[in-house]
Amino acid sequence: MKKLLLILATTSCFASAANWQLNPEQSSLNFVSIKNTTVAETHQFSNLSGSWSDQGLVKIQIPVSSLETNIPIRNQRMLDFVLKAKQYTEITAQAEIKPDTIATLAVSKSMVITLPITVSIAGESTTLMANIRVLKLNASTIQASTESPLILNVDSANLTAGVDKLQQLAQLNDISKVVPVTFSVNFSTEI
């Protein structure tokens, strides 16, 4: 009986929750670029915002101005030629995770969900399949993170011309057209 009451209480907590808000201080998004075949570098977007509605729509906004590659001229070139920051101020990612999918998840327990994520970058959209680990940190906080990296193909995201321009400006032999992406985001009902 106690177990049933605990499950019902947990389910009602998720079912009645209003929109969950992404906590930017406890969230991160990183990607890796590979140049000249063997030089890999990790980059990040330092500012994320988003929500998870009670209907299950997860939407994350990433201001392109928060790009950090640790080289200022590379930041600017990526903003200008790949992300087209003057026209497109943010990247968006959307997915659907119904609240009842994780309603019975106990505190400090996790589960892996496979789902499509639609990413819009520089006016183009592409869908990536993702394995996401969802961890219930406490009654009001959920963490979602990549179980394995997402693989963004520059060609399918229609970013090839911008990457080719970066390669030319930096006088590189090549820049990989495959970009591994990882993230960890926390959603909370109380930020």
Protein backbone atom coordinates (compact mmCIF):
# COMPACT_ATOMS: atom_id res chain seq x y z
CA MET A 1 0.00 0.00 0.00
CA LYS A 2 2.83 2.44 0.87
CA LYS A 3 4.48 1.67 -2.45
CA LEU A 4 1.25 2.43 -4.32
CA LEU A 5 0.83 5.74 -2.46
CA LEU A 6 4.43 6.69 -3.25
CA ILE A 7 3.89 5.97 -6.96
CA LEU A 8 0.64 7.95 -6.97
CA ALA A 9 2.27 10.89 -5.20
CA THR A 10 5.18 10.91 -7.64
CA THR A 11 2.85 10.62 -10.63
CA SER A 12 0.63 13.45 -9.44
CA CYS A 13 3.71 15.62 -8.83
CA PHE A 14 4.71 15.28 -12.48
CA ALA A 15 1.18 15.40 -13.86
CA SER A 16 0.26 18.58 -12.03
CA ALA A 17 3.57 20.34 -12.53
CA ALA A 18 3.48 23.51 -14.52
CA ASN A 19 6.18 24.16 -17.06
CA TRP A 20 9.59 23.06 -15.91
CA GLN A 21 12.29 25.66 -16.49
CA LEU A 22 15.86 24.99 -17.55
CA ASN A 23 18.38 26.06 -14.93
CA PRO A 24 21.21 27.70 -16.93
CA GLU A 25 23.71 27.61 -14.05
CA GLN A 26 23.44 23.82 -13.92
CA SER A 27 23.32 23.15 -17.66
CA SER A 28 25.94 22.85 -20.37
CA LEU A 29 26.29 22.15 -24.08
CA ASN A 30 29.64 21.21 -25.65
CA PHE A 31 30.79 20.18 -29.10
CA VAL A 32 34.05 18.98 -30.59
CA SER A 33 35.67 20.15 -33.81
CA ILE A 34 38.43 18.20 -35.50
CA LYS A 35 40.90 19.97 -37.76
CA ASN A 36 43.82 18.67 -39.81
CA THR A 37 42.58 15.11 -39.18
CA THR A 38 43.99 14.72 -35.66
CA VAL A 39 43.50 17.96 -33.69
CA ALA A 40 40.31 17.85 -31.62
CA GLU A 41 39.10 20.86 -29.63
CA THR A 42 36.15 21.19 -27.28
CA HIS A 43 33.91 24.25 -27.52
CA GLN A 44 30.80 25.33 -25.67
CA PHE A 45 27.73 27.50 -25.63
CA SER A 46 27.71 29.11 -22.20
CA ASN A 47 24.12 30.31 -22.03
CA LEU A 48 21.11 28.05 -22.37
CA SER A 49 17.45 28.63 -21.60
CA GLY A 50 14.39 26.50 -22.07
CA SER A 51 11.32 24.79 -20.75
CA TRP A 52 9.58 21.45 -20.56
CA SER A 53 5.81 21.85 -20.78
CA ASP A 54 3.28 19.67 -19.01
CA GLN A 55 2.26 18.47 -22.51
CA GLY A 56 5.79 17.11 -22.98
CA LEU A 57 7.36 19.67 -25.33
CA VAL A 58 11.00 20.29 -24.46
CA LYS A 59 12.42 23.43 -26.07
CA ILE A 60 15.92 24.77 -25.53
CA GLN A 61 17.20 28.11 -26.82
CA ILE A 62 20.93 28.67 -27.28
CA PRO A 63 22.03 32.24 -28.03
CA VAL A 64 24.74 32.02 -30.67
CA SER A 65 26.51 34.93 -28.96
CA SER A 66 27.33 32.57 -26.07
CA LEU A 67 29.68 30.53 -28.29
CA GLU A 68 33.11 30.04 -26.71
CA THR A 69 35.95 28.36 -28.61
CA ASN A 70 38.72 29.97 -26.50
CA ILE A 71 40.06 31.79 -29.55
CA PRO A 72 38.33 35.16 -30.14
CA ILE A 73 38.94 35.33 -33.90
CA ARG A 74 37.57 31.79 -34.30
CA ASN A 75 34.50 32.77 -32.25
CA GLN A 76 33.87 35.67 -34.61
CA ARG A 77 34.44 33.64 -37.77
CA MET A 78 32.10 30.89 -36.59
CA LEU A 79 29.46 33.48 -35.73
CA ASP A 80 29.84 35.21 -39.10
CA PHE A 81 30.22 32.30 -41.50
CA VAL A 82 28.74 29.18 -39.90
CA LEU A 83 26.06 30.39 -37.51
CA LYS A 84 25.17 33.54 -39.49
CA ALA A 85 24.67 35.41 -36.22
CA LYS A 86 23.55 38.66 -37.84
CA GLN A 87 20.48 36.86 -39.23
CA TYR A 88 19.95 34.10 -36.66
CA THR A 89 20.48 34.95 -33.01
CA GLU A 90 19.79 31.53 -31.54
CA ILE A 91 19.93 27.82 -32.10
CA THR A 92 16.87 25.88 -30.96
CA ALA A 93 16.46 22.25 -30.03
CA GLN A 94 13.05 20.61 -29.58
CA ALA A 95 11.96 17.17 -28.49
CA GLU A 96 8.95 15.54 -26.93
CA ILE A 97 9.13 13.69 -23.63
CA LYS A 98 5.70 13.01 -22.19
CA PRO A 99 5.63 13.57 -18.42
CA ASP A 100 4.10 10.13 -17.84
CA THR A 101 7.24 8.59 -19.39
CA ILE A 102 9.18 9.49 -16.25
CA ALA A 103 6.32 9.91 -13.77
CA THR A 104 7.21 6.85 -11.72
CA LEU A 105 10.94 7.56 -11.67
CA ALA A 106 12.14 7.56 -8.06
CA VAL A 107 14.54 10.16 -6.68
CA SER A 108 18.16 9.33 -7.65
CA LYS A 109 17.02 6.82 -10.26
CA SER A 110 17.50 7.24 -13.98
CA MET A 111 16.32 5.85 -17.28
CA VAL A 112 17.50 6.11 -20.88
CA ILE A 113 15.10 7.41 -23.52
CA THR A 114 15.76 7.28 -27.26
CA LEU A 115 14.11 10.13 -29.12
CA PRO A 116 14.45 12.48 -32.08
CA ILE A 117 15.65 16.03 -31.40
CA THR A 118 14.97 18.69 -34.02
CA VAL A 119 17.77 21.25 -34.13
CA SER A 120 17.49 24.57 -35.98
CA ILE A 121 20.79 26.27 -36.81
CA ALA A 122 21.21 29.29 -39.08
CA GLY A 123 17.75 28.90 -40.57
CA GLU A 124 18.09 25.18 -41.31
CA SER A 125 16.57 22.27 -39.39
CA THR A 126 17.87 18.76 -38.97
CA THR A 127 16.75 15.86 -36.79
CA LEU A 128 19.21 13.92 -34.65
CA MET A 129 18.47 10.67 -32.85
CA ALA A 130 19.51 10.86 -29.22
CA ASN A 131 19.97 8.52 -26.29
CA ILE A 132 19.17 10.67 -23.28
CA ARG A 133 19.68 9.67 -19.65
CA VAL A 134 16.99 11.23 -17.47
CA LEU A 135 17.83 11.39 -13.76
CA LYS A 136 15.43 12.53 -11.07
CA LEU A 137 17.63 14.53 -8.69
CA ASN A 138 14.81 15.42 -6.30
CA ALA A 139 11.06 16.05 -6.37
CA SER A 140 11.49 19.30 -8.28
CA THR A 141 14.62 18.74 -10.41
CA ILE A 142 15.23 16.53 -13.44
CA GLN A 143 18.56 16.21 -15.23
CA ALA A 144 18.73 15.13 -18.87
CA SER A 145 22.10 14.37 -20.44
CA THR A 146 23.47 12.65 -23.49
CA GLU A 147 24.13 8.98 -22.87
CA SER A 148 26.32 9.07 -25.97
CA PRO A 149 27.28 12.07 -28.11
CA LEU A 150 24.85 13.36 -30.71
CA ILE A 151 26.47 13.41 -34.13
CA LEU A 152 25.74 16.57 -36.11
CA ASN A 153 26.58 16.19 -39.79
CA VAL A 154 27.54 19.60 -41.16
CA ASP A 155 26.26 18.64 -44.63
CA SER A 156 22.79 17.63 -43.45
CA ALA A 157 22.55 20.82 -41.38
CA ASN A 158 23.47 22.81 -44.51
CA LEU A 159 26.50 24.39 -42.81
CA THR A 160 29.14 23.15 -45.25
CA ALA A 161 29.82 26.48 -46.98
CA GLY A 162 30.50 28.18 -43.64
CA VAL A 163 32.82 25.41 -42.45
CA ASP A 164 34.67 25.50 -45.78
CA LYS A 165 35.13 29.26 -45.33
CA LEU A 166 36.59 28.68 -41.83
CA GLN A 167 38.99 26.12 -43.26
CA GLN A 168 40.12 28.57 -45.95
CA LEU A 169 40.56 31.52 -43.55
CA ALA A 170 42.50 29.44 -41.01
CA GLN A 171 44.56 27.82 -43.79
CA LEU A 172 43.74 24.31 -42.59
CA ASN A 173 43.98 21.09 -44.57
CA ASP A 174 40.53 20.05 -43.38
CA ILE A 175 37.82 20.48 -40.78
CA SER A 176 35.73 17.40 -40.06
CA LYS A 177 32.13 17.59 -41.26
CA VAL A 178 31.04 15.41 -38.34
CA VAL A 179 30.61 17.18 -35.00
CA PRO A 180 30.04 15.28 -31.72
CA VAL A 181 27.72 17.19 -29.36
CA THR A 182 27.06 16.53 -25.66
CA PHE A 183 24.82 18.25 -23.16
CA SER A 184 23.58 18.09 -19.61
CA VAL A 185 20.54 20.17 -18.70
CA ASN A 186 18.65 20.54 -15.45
CA PHE A 187 14.95 21.35 -15.37
CA SER A 188 13.35 22.56 -12.19
CA THR A 189 9.92 23.64 -11.02
CA GLU A 190 11.64 26.01 -8.58
CA ILE A 191 14.56 28.05 -9.91
